[in-house]
Structure formats: C-alpha cells, structure tokens
PDB file of all heavy atoms in Angstrom:
ATOM      1  N   TYR A   1     -64.597-152.812-210.251  1.00  0.00           N
ATOM      2  CA  TYR A   1     -63.405-152.444-210.985  1.00  0.00           C
ATOM      3  C   TYR A   1     -63.820-151.769-212.303  1.00  0.00           C
ATOM      4  O   TYR A   1     -64.618-152.347-213.096  1.00  0.00           O
ATOM      5  CB  TYR A   1     -62.559-153.671-211.255  1.00  0.00           C
ATOM      6  CG  TYR A   1     -61.961-154.271-209.974  1.00  0.00           C
ATOM      7  CD1 TYR A   1     -62.652-155.209-209.256  1.00  0.00           C
ATOM      8  CD2 TYR A   1     -60.794-153.869-209.492  1.00  0.00           C
ATOM      9  CE1 TYR A   1     -62.249-155.737-208.053  1.00  0.00           C
ATOM     10  CE2 TYR A   1     -60.312-154.351-208.305  1.00  0.00           C
ATOM     11  CZ  TYR A   1     -61.009-155.342-207.566  1.00  0.00           C
ATOM     12  OH  TYR A   1     -60.490-155.815-206.433  1.00  0.00           O
ATOM     13  N   VAL A   2     -63.231-150.608-212.581  1.00  0.00           N
ATOM     14  CA  VAL A   2     -63.624-149.822-213.738  1.00  0.00           C
ATOM     15  C   VAL A   2     -62.342-149.441-214.577  1.00  0.00           C
ATOM     16  O   VAL A   2     -61.426-148.946-214.018  1.00  0.00           O
ATOM     17  CB  VAL A   2     -64.338-148.502-213.300  1.00  0.00           C
ATOM     18  CG1 VAL A   2     -64.730-147.686-214.525  1.00  0.00           C
ATOM     19  CG2 VAL A   2     -65.553-148.764-212.451  1.00  0.00           C
ATOM     20  N   VAL A   3     -62.357-149.818-215.792  1.00  0.00           N
ATOM     21  CA  VAL A   3     -61.310-149.429-216.721  1.00  0.00           C
ATOM     22  C   VAL A   3     -61.443-147.996-217.104  1.00  0.00           C
ATOM     23  O   VAL A   3     -62.479-147.629-217.693  1.00  0.00           O
ATOM     24  CB  VAL A   3     -61.271-150.352-218.034  1.00  0.00           C
ATOM     25  CG1 VAL A   3     -60.159-149.854-218.915  1.00  0.00           C
ATOM     26  CG2 VAL A   3     -61.116-151.814-217.623  1.00  0.00           C
ATOM     27  N   ILE A   4     -60.570-147.143-216.732  1.00  0.00           N
ATOM     28  CA  ILE A   4     -60.629-145.775-217.065  1.00  0.00           C
ATOM     29  C   ILE A   4     -59.749-145.261-218.193  1.00  0.00           C
ATOM     30  O   ILE A   4     -59.902-144.200-218.769  1.00  0.00           O
ATOM     31  CB  ILE A   4     -60.299-144.854-215.785  1.00  0.00           C
ATOM     32  CG1 ILE A   4     -58.831-145.063-215.328  1.00  0.00           C
ATOM     33  CG2 ILE A   4     -61.302-145.136-214.674  1.00  0.00           C
ATOM     34  CD1 ILE A   4     -58.412-144.116-214.285  1.00  0.00           C
ATOM     35  N   ASP A   5     -58.815-146.179-218.584  1.00  0.00           N
ATOM     36  CA  ASP A   5     -57.962-145.806-219.748  1.00  0.00           C
ATOM     37  C   ASP A   5     -57.235-146.990-220.258  1.00  0.00           C
ATOM     38  O   ASP A   5     -57.029-148.023-219.630  1.00  0.00           O
ATOM     39  CB  ASP A   5     -56.905-144.747-219.278  1.00  0.00           C
ATOM     40  CG  ASP A   5     -56.111-144.269-220.430  1.00  0.00           C
ATOM     41  OD1 ASP A   5     -56.698-143.876-221.502  1.00  0.00           O
ATOM     42  OD2 ASP A   5     -54.823-144.152-220.333  1.00  0.00           O
ATOM     43  N   SER A   6     -56.974-146.931-221.550  1.00  0.00           N
ATOM     44  CA  SER A   6     -56.157-147.998-222.188  1.00  0.00           C
ATOM     45  C   SER A   6     -55.306-147.261-223.235  1.00  0.00           C
ATOM     46  O   SER A   6     -55.846-146.383-224.006  1.00  0.00           O
ATOM     47  CB  SER A   6     -56.965-149.125-222.886  1.00  0.00           C
ATOM     48  OG  SER A   6     -57.824-148.573-223.921  1.00  0.00           O
ATOM     49  N   SER A   7     -54.053-147.597-223.387  1.00  0.00           N
ATOM     50  CA  SER A   7     -53.162-146.899-224.295  1.00  0.00           C
ATOM     51  C   SER A   7     -52.220-147.904-224.912  1.00  0.00           C
ATOM     52  O   SER A   7     -52.047-149.012-224.448  1.00  0.00           O
ATOM     53  CB  SER A   7     -52.311-145.801-223.521  1.00  0.00           C
ATOM     54  OG  SER A   7     -51.599-146.370-222.472  1.00  0.00           O
ATOM     55  N   GLY A   8     -51.627-147.442-226.044  1.00  0.00           N
ATOM     56  CA  GLY A   8     -50.712-148.316-226.813  1.00  0.00           C
ATOM     57  C   GLY A   8     -51.347-149.089-227.935  1.00  0.00           C
ATOM     58  O   GLY A   8     -52.608-149.130-228.011  1.00  0.00           O
ATOM     59  N   PRO A   9     -50.557-149.747-228.759  1.00  0.00           N
ATOM     60  CA  PRO A   9     -51.100-150.475-229.882  1.00  0.00           C
ATOM     61  C   PRO A   9     -51.920-151.700-229.405  1.00  0.00           C
ATOM     62  O   PRO A   9     -51.806-152.155-228.189  1.00  0.00           O
ATOM     63  CB  PRO A   9     -49.874-150.985-230.667  1.00  0.00           C
ATOM     64  CG  PRO A   9     -48.799-150.935-229.633  1.00  0.00           C
ATOM     65  CD  PRO A   9     -49.120-149.783-228.695  1.00  0.00           C
ATOM     66  N   ASP A  10     -52.767-152.256-230.264  1.00  0.00           N
ATOM     67  CA  ASP A  10     -53.644-153.370-229.862  1.00  0.00           C
ATOM     68  C   ASP A  10     -52.898-154.531-229.291  1.00  0.00           C
ATOM     69  O   ASP A  10     -53.377-155.224-228.362  1.00  0.00           O
ATOM     70  CB  ASP A  10     -54.472-153.844-231.126  1.00  0.00           C
ATOM     71  CG  ASP A  10     -55.478-152.789-231.502  1.00  0.00           C
ATOM     72  OD1 ASP A  10     -55.837-151.969-230.703  1.00  0.00           O
ATOM     73  OD2 ASP A  10     -56.033-152.916-232.605  1.00  0.00           O
ATOM     74  N   HIS A  11     -51.671-154.836-229.740  1.00  0.00           N
ATOM     75  CA  HIS A  11     -51.023-156.022-229.364  1.00  0.00           C
ATOM     76  C   HIS A  11     -50.185-155.806-228.093  1.00  0.00           C
ATOM     77  O   HIS A  11     -49.598-156.685-227.519  1.00  0.00           O
ATOM     78  CB  HIS A  11     -49.996-156.492-230.494  1.00  0.00           C
ATOM     79  CG  HIS A  11     -48.870-155.480-230.795  1.00  0.00           C
ATOM     80  ND1 HIS A  11     -49.089-154.451-231.652  1.00  0.00           N
ATOM     81  CD2 HIS A  11     -47.580-155.424-230.262  1.00  0.00           C
ATOM     82  CE1 HIS A  11     -47.940-153.746-231.661  1.00  0.00           C
ATOM     83  NE2 HIS A  11     -47.066-154.382-230.896  1.00  0.00           N
ATOM     84  N   ALA A  12     -50.141-154.532-227.587  1.00  0.00           N
ATOM     85  CA  ALA A  12     -49.349-154.270-226.371  1.00  0.00           C
ATOM     86  C   ALA A  12     -49.979-153.084-225.594  1.00  0.00           C
ATOM     87  O   ALA A  12     -49.288-152.070-225.262  1.00  0.00           O
ATOM     88  CB  ALA A  12     -47.894-153.890-226.772  1.00  0.00           C
ATOM     89  N   LYS A  13     -51.230-153.218-225.275  1.00  0.00           N
ATOM     90  CA  LYS A  13     -51.958-152.124-224.523  1.00  0.00           C
ATOM     91  C   LYS A  13     -51.555-152.137-223.057  1.00  0.00           C
ATOM     92  O   LYS A  13     -51.165-153.141-222.527  1.00  0.00           O
ATOM     93  CB  LYS A  13     -53.474-152.440-224.643  1.00  0.00           C
ATOM     94  CG  LYS A  13     -54.087-151.899-225.975  1.00  0.00           C
ATOM     95  CD  LYS A  13     -55.596-151.893-225.899  1.00  0.00           C
ATOM     96  CE  LYS A  13     -56.193-151.445-227.238  1.00  0.00           C
ATOM     97  NZ  LYS A  13     -55.850-149.975-227.467  1.00  0.00           N
ATOM     98  N   THR A  14     -51.672-150.949-222.531  1.00  0.00           N
ATOM     99  CA  THR A  14     -51.550-150.808-221.053  1.00  0.00           C
ATOM    100  C   THR A  14     -52.891-150.315-220.513  1.00  0.00           C
ATOM    101  O   THR A  14     -53.451-149.297-221.039  1.00  0.00           O
ATOM    102  CB  THR A  14     -50.473-149.782-220.705  1.00  0.00           C
ATOM    103  OG1 THR A  14     -49.260-150.263-221.152  1.00  0.00           O
ATOM    104  CG2 THR A  14     -50.419-149.523-219.144  1.00  0.00           C
ATOM    105  N   PHE A  15     -53.403-151.005-219.557  1.00  0.00           N
ATOM    106  CA  PHE A  15     -54.711-150.579-219.015  1.00  0.00           C
ATOM    107  C   PHE A  15     -54.618-149.972-217.687  1.00  0.00           C
ATOM    108  O   PHE A  15     -53.712-150.307-216.849  1.00  0.00           O
ATOM    109  CB  PHE A  15     -55.598-151.896-218.810  1.00  0.00           C
ATOM    110  CG  PHE A  15     -55.935-152.583-220.110  1.00  0.00           C
ATOM    111  CD1 PHE A  15     -55.100-153.549-220.616  1.00  0.00           C
ATOM    112  CD2 PHE A  15     -57.087-152.222-220.846  1.00  0.00           C
ATOM    113  CE1 PHE A  15     -55.410-154.201-221.808  1.00  0.00           C
ATOM    114  CE2 PHE A  15     -57.373-152.872-222.054  1.00  0.00           C
ATOM    115  CZ  PHE A  15     -56.551-153.898-222.524  1.00  0.00           C
ATOM    116  N   THR A  16     -55.459-148.959-217.411  1.00  0.00           N
ATOM    117  CA  THR A  16     -55.594-148.307-216.057  1.00  0.00           C
ATOM    118  C   THR A  16     -56.938-148.599-215.503  1.00  0.00           C
ATOM    119  O   THR A  16     -57.953-148.406-216.164  1.00  0.00           O
ATOM    120  CB  THR A  16     -55.360-146.811-216.191  1.00  0.00           C
ATOM    121  OG1 THR A  16     -54.088-146.544-216.815  1.00  0.00           O
ATOM    122  CG2 THR A  16     -55.421-146.113-214.834  1.00  0.00           C
ATOM    123  N   VAL A  17     -56.923-149.163-214.313  1.00  0.00           N
ATOM    124  CA  VAL A  17     -58.229-149.614-213.659  1.00  0.00           C
ATOM    125  C   VAL A  17     -58.337-148.937-212.255  1.00  0.00           C
ATOM    126  O   VAL A  17     -57.344-148.833-211.537  1.00  0.00           O
ATOM    127  CB  VAL A  17     -58.182-151.153-213.531  1.00  0.00           C
ATOM    128  CG1 VAL A  17     -59.404-151.503-212.634  1.00  0.00           C
ATOM    129  CG2 VAL A  17     -58.304-151.793-214.912  1.00  0.00           C
ATOM    130  N   GLU A  18     -59.536-148.463-211.961  1.00  0.00           N
ATOM    131  CA  GLU A  18     -59.814-148.017-210.626  1.00  0.00           C
ATOM    132  C   GLU A  18     -60.756-149.016-209.900  1.00  0.00           C
ATOM    133  O   GLU A  18     -61.564-149.665-210.539  1.00  0.00           O
ATOM    134  CB  GLU A  18     -60.633-146.678-210.642  1.00  0.00           C
ATOM    135  CG  GLU A  18     -59.792-145.492-211.146  1.00  0.00           C
ATOM    136  CD  GLU A  18     -60.586-144.234-211.123  1.00  0.00           C
ATOM    137  OE1 GLU A  18     -61.857-144.273-211.093  1.00  0.00           O
ATOM    138  OE2 GLU A  18     -59.944-143.135-211.233  1.00  0.00           O
ATOM    139  N   VAL A  19     -60.532-149.202-208.606  1.00  0.00           N
ATOM    140  CA  VAL A  19     -61.428-149.960-207.841  1.00  0.00           C
ATOM    141  C   VAL A  19     -62.254-149.057-206.902  1.00  0.00           C
ATOM    142  O   VAL A  19     -61.691-148.171-206.306  1.00  0.00           O
ATOM    143  CB  VAL A  19     -60.712-151.074-206.968  1.00  0.00           C
ATOM    144  CG1 VAL A  19     -59.668-150.382-206.037  1.00  0.00           C
ATOM    145  CG2 VAL A  19     -61.676-151.844-206.139  1.00  0.00           C
ATOM    146  N   HIS A  20     -63.550-149.221-207.067  1.00  0.00           N
ATOM    147  CA  HIS A  20     -64.490-148.294-206.372  1.00  0.00           C
ATOM    148  C   HIS A  20     -65.110-149.060-205.194  1.00  0.00           C
ATOM    149  O   HIS A  20     -65.572-150.168-205.334  1.00  0.00           O
ATOM    150  CB  HIS A  20     -65.610-147.794-207.279  1.00  0.00           C
ATOM    151  CG  HIS A  20     -65.169-146.959-208.424  1.00  0.00           C
ATOM    152  ND1 HIS A  20     -65.978-146.343-209.332  1.00  0.00           N
ATOM    153  CD2 HIS A  20     -63.885-146.691-208.887  1.00  0.00           C
ATOM    154  CE1 HIS A  20     -65.309-145.674-210.178  1.00  0.00           C
ATOM    155  NE2 HIS A  20     -64.021-145.851-209.929  1.00  0.00           N
ATOM    156  N   LEU A  21     -65.139-148.391-204.033  1.00  0.00           N
ATOM    157  CA  LEU A  21     -65.881-148.879-202.880  1.00  0.00           C
ATOM    158  C   LEU A  21     -67.137-148.061-202.820  1.00  0.00           C
ATOM    159  O   LEU A  21     -67.081-146.815-202.529  1.00  0.00           O
ATOM    160  CB  LEU A  21     -65.062-148.733-201.585  1.00  0.00           C
ATOM    161  CG  LEU A  21     -65.807-149.081-200.309  1.00  0.00           C
ATOM    162  CD1 LEU A  21     -66.288-150.533-200.358  1.00  0.00           C
ATOM    163  CD2 LEU A  21     -64.882-148.846-199.156  1.00  0.00           C
ATOM    164  N   ASN A  22     -68.232-148.612-203.130  1.00  0.00           N
ATOM    165  CA  ASN A  22     -69.486-147.896-203.379  1.00  0.00           C
ATOM    166  C   ASN A  22     -69.197-146.900-204.523  1.00  0.00           C
ATOM    167  O   ASN A  22     -68.920-147.282-205.636  1.00  0.00           O
ATOM    168  CB  ASN A  22     -70.005-147.237-202.061  1.00  0.00           C
ATOM    169  CG  ASN A  22     -70.305-148.314-201.036  1.00  0.00           C
ATOM    170  OD1 ASN A  22     -70.754-149.432-201.373  1.00  0.00           O
ATOM    171  ND2 ASN A  22     -70.016-148.025-199.838  1.00  0.00           N
ATOM    172  N   SER A  23     -69.196-145.622-204.258  1.00  0.00           N
ATOM    173  CA  SER A  23     -68.903-144.678-205.303  1.00  0.00           C
ATOM    174  C   SER A  23     -67.530-144.024-205.176  1.00  0.00           C
ATOM    175  O   SER A  23     -67.166-143.017-205.928  1.00  0.00           O
ATOM    176  CB  SER A  23     -69.961-143.554-205.353  1.00  0.00           C
ATOM    177  OG  SER A  23     -70.041-142.917-204.111  1.00  0.00           O
ATOM    178  N   ASN A  24     -66.732-144.452-204.222  1.00  0.00           N
ATOM    179  CA  ASN A  24     -65.452-143.796-203.930  1.00  0.00           C
ATOM    180  C   ASN A  24     -64.292-144.611-204.559  1.00  0.00           C
ATOM    181  O   ASN A  24     -64.274-145.869-204.371  1.00  0.00           O
ATOM    182  CB  ASN A  24     -65.261-143.730-202.404  1.00  0.00           C
ATOM    183  CG  ASN A  24     -66.349-142.881-201.784  1.00  0.00           C
ATOM    184  OD1 ASN A  24     -66.633-141.779-202.223  1.00  0.00           O
ATOM    185  ND2 ASN A  24     -66.909-143.315-200.696  1.00  0.00           N
ATOM    186  N   VAL A  25     -63.355-143.921-205.134  1.00  0.00           N
ATOM    187  CA  VAL A  25     -62.116-144.617-205.664  1.00  0.00           C
ATOM    188  C   VAL A  25     -61.195-144.879-204.498  1.00  0.00           C
ATOM    189  O   VAL A  25     -60.773-143.935-203.770  1.00  0.00           O
ATOM    190  CB  VAL A  25     -61.382-143.706-206.729  1.00  0.00           C
ATOM    191  CG1 VAL A  25     -60.132-144.377-207.161  1.00  0.00           C
ATOM    192  CG2 VAL A  25     -62.337-143.364-207.831  1.00  0.00           C
ATOM    193  N   ILE A  26     -60.812-146.139-204.267  1.00  0.00           N
ATOM    194  CA  ILE A  26     -59.904-146.460-203.200  1.00  0.00           C
ATOM    195  C   ILE A  26     -58.612-147.088-203.681  1.00  0.00           C
ATOM    196  O   ILE A  26     -57.741-147.402-202.864  1.00  0.00           O
ATOM    197  CB  ILE A  26     -60.542-147.535-202.265  1.00  0.00           C
ATOM    198  CG1 ILE A  26     -60.993-148.753-202.892  1.00  0.00           C
ATOM    199  CG2 ILE A  26     -61.808-146.825-201.547  1.00  0.00           C
ATOM    200  CD1 ILE A  26     -61.532-149.889-201.977  1.00  0.00           C
ATOM    201  N   GLY A  27     -58.468-147.213-205.050  1.00  0.00           N
ATOM    202  CA  GLY A  27     -57.231-147.777-205.548  1.00  0.00           C
ATOM    203  C   GLY A  27     -57.186-147.622-207.018  1.00  0.00           C
ATOM    204  O   GLY A  27     -58.195-147.666-207.699  1.00  0.00           O
ATOM    205  N   THR A  28     -55.934-147.457-207.577  1.00  0.00           N
ATOM    206  CA  THR A  28     -55.770-147.391-208.970  1.00  0.00           C
ATOM    207  C   THR A  28     -54.607-148.238-209.425  1.00  0.00           C
ATOM    208  O   THR A  28     -53.594-148.342-208.680  1.00  0.00           O
ATOM    209  CB  THR A  28     -55.479-145.923-209.445  1.00  0.00           C
ATOM    210  OG1 THR A  28     -56.506-145.102-209.059  1.00  0.00           O
ATOM    211  CG2 THR A  28     -55.320-145.859-210.959  1.00  0.00           C
ATOM    212  N   GLY A  29     -54.706-148.957-210.525  1.00  0.00           N
ATOM    213  CA  GLY A  29     -53.602-149.815-210.932  1.00  0.00           C
ATOM    214  C   GLY A  29     -53.427-149.844-212.444  1.00  0.00           C
ATOM    215  O   GLY A  29     -54.329-149.589-213.146  1.00  0.00           O
ATOM    216  N   LYS A  30     -52.209-150.098-212.861  1.00  0.00           N
ATOM    217  CA  LYS A  30     -51.879-150.212-214.276  1.00  0.00           C
ATOM    218  C   LYS A  30     -51.270-151.651-214.567  1.00  0.00           C
ATOM    219  O   LYS A  30     -50.602-152.146-213.756  1.00  0.00           O
ATOM    220  CB  LYS A  30     -50.960-149.134-214.752  1.00  0.00           C
ATOM    221  CG  LYS A  30     -51.535-147.745-214.791  1.00  0.00           C
ATOM    222  CD  LYS A  30     -50.581-146.730-215.335  1.00  0.00           C
ATOM    223  CE  LYS A  30     -51.218-145.315-215.460  1.00  0.00           C
ATOM    224  NZ  LYS A  30     -50.246-144.380-216.141  1.00  0.00           N
ATOM    225  N   GLY A  31     -51.513-152.067-215.840  1.00  0.00           N
ATOM    226  CA  GLY A  31     -50.912-153.368-216.161  1.00  0.00           C
ATOM    227  C   GLY A  31     -51.112-153.626-217.646  1.00  0.00           C
ATOM    228  O   GLY A  31     -51.860-152.942-218.347  1.00  0.00           O
ATOM    229  N   ARG A  32     -50.368-154.706-218.121  1.00  0.00           N
ATOM    230  CA  ARG A  32     -50.427-155.053-219.571  1.00  0.00           C
ATOM    231  C   ARG A  32     -51.704-155.897-219.911  1.00  0.00           C
ATOM    232  O   ARG A  32     -51.917-156.263-221.025  1.00  0.00           O
ATOM    233  CB  ARG A  32     -49.215-155.803-219.980  1.00  0.00           C
ATOM    234  CG  ARG A  32     -47.953-154.918-220.041  1.00  0.00           C
ATOM    235  CD  ARG A  32     -46.686-155.686-220.245  1.00  0.00           C
ATOM    236  NE  ARG A  32     -46.345-156.478-219.061  1.00  0.00           N
ATOM    237  CZ  ARG A  32     -45.328-157.268-219.004  1.00  0.00           C
ATOM    238  NH1 ARG A  32     -44.513-157.464-220.072  1.00  0.00           N
ATOM    239  NH2 ARG A  32     -44.975-157.870-217.866  1.00  0.00           N
ATOM    240  N   SER A  33     -52.504-156.174-218.857  1.00  0.00           N
ATOM    241  CA  SER A  33     -53.813-156.777-219.054  1.00  0.00           C
ATOM    242  C   SER A  33     -54.751-156.182-218.006  1.00  0.00           C
ATOM    243  O   SER A  33     -54.264-155.636-217.018  1.00  0.00           O
ATOM    244  CB  SER A  33     -53.737-158.313-218.963  1.00  0.00           C
ATOM    245  OG  SER A  33     -53.539-158.688-217.652  1.00  0.00           O
TER     246      SER A  33
END
C-alpha cells in the first residue's frame, strides 16, 4: 500500500492510497485516514 497524495489541513487531511500487486496498481482509495 502506497500513499500517493494527501490534501487538506493537518486536522482534516484526505489521503489517496494505491495498492500494488508486485509493481502493478490494482486499486486506489481515498479516506480521512
């Protein structure tokens, strides 16, 4: 799982994470943690 982006103020960030299977991206998700 790789965090590729985080946005927003420190107290309310939104994170974007990719899940890699070997070197291939197979899913992306966003959340408040």
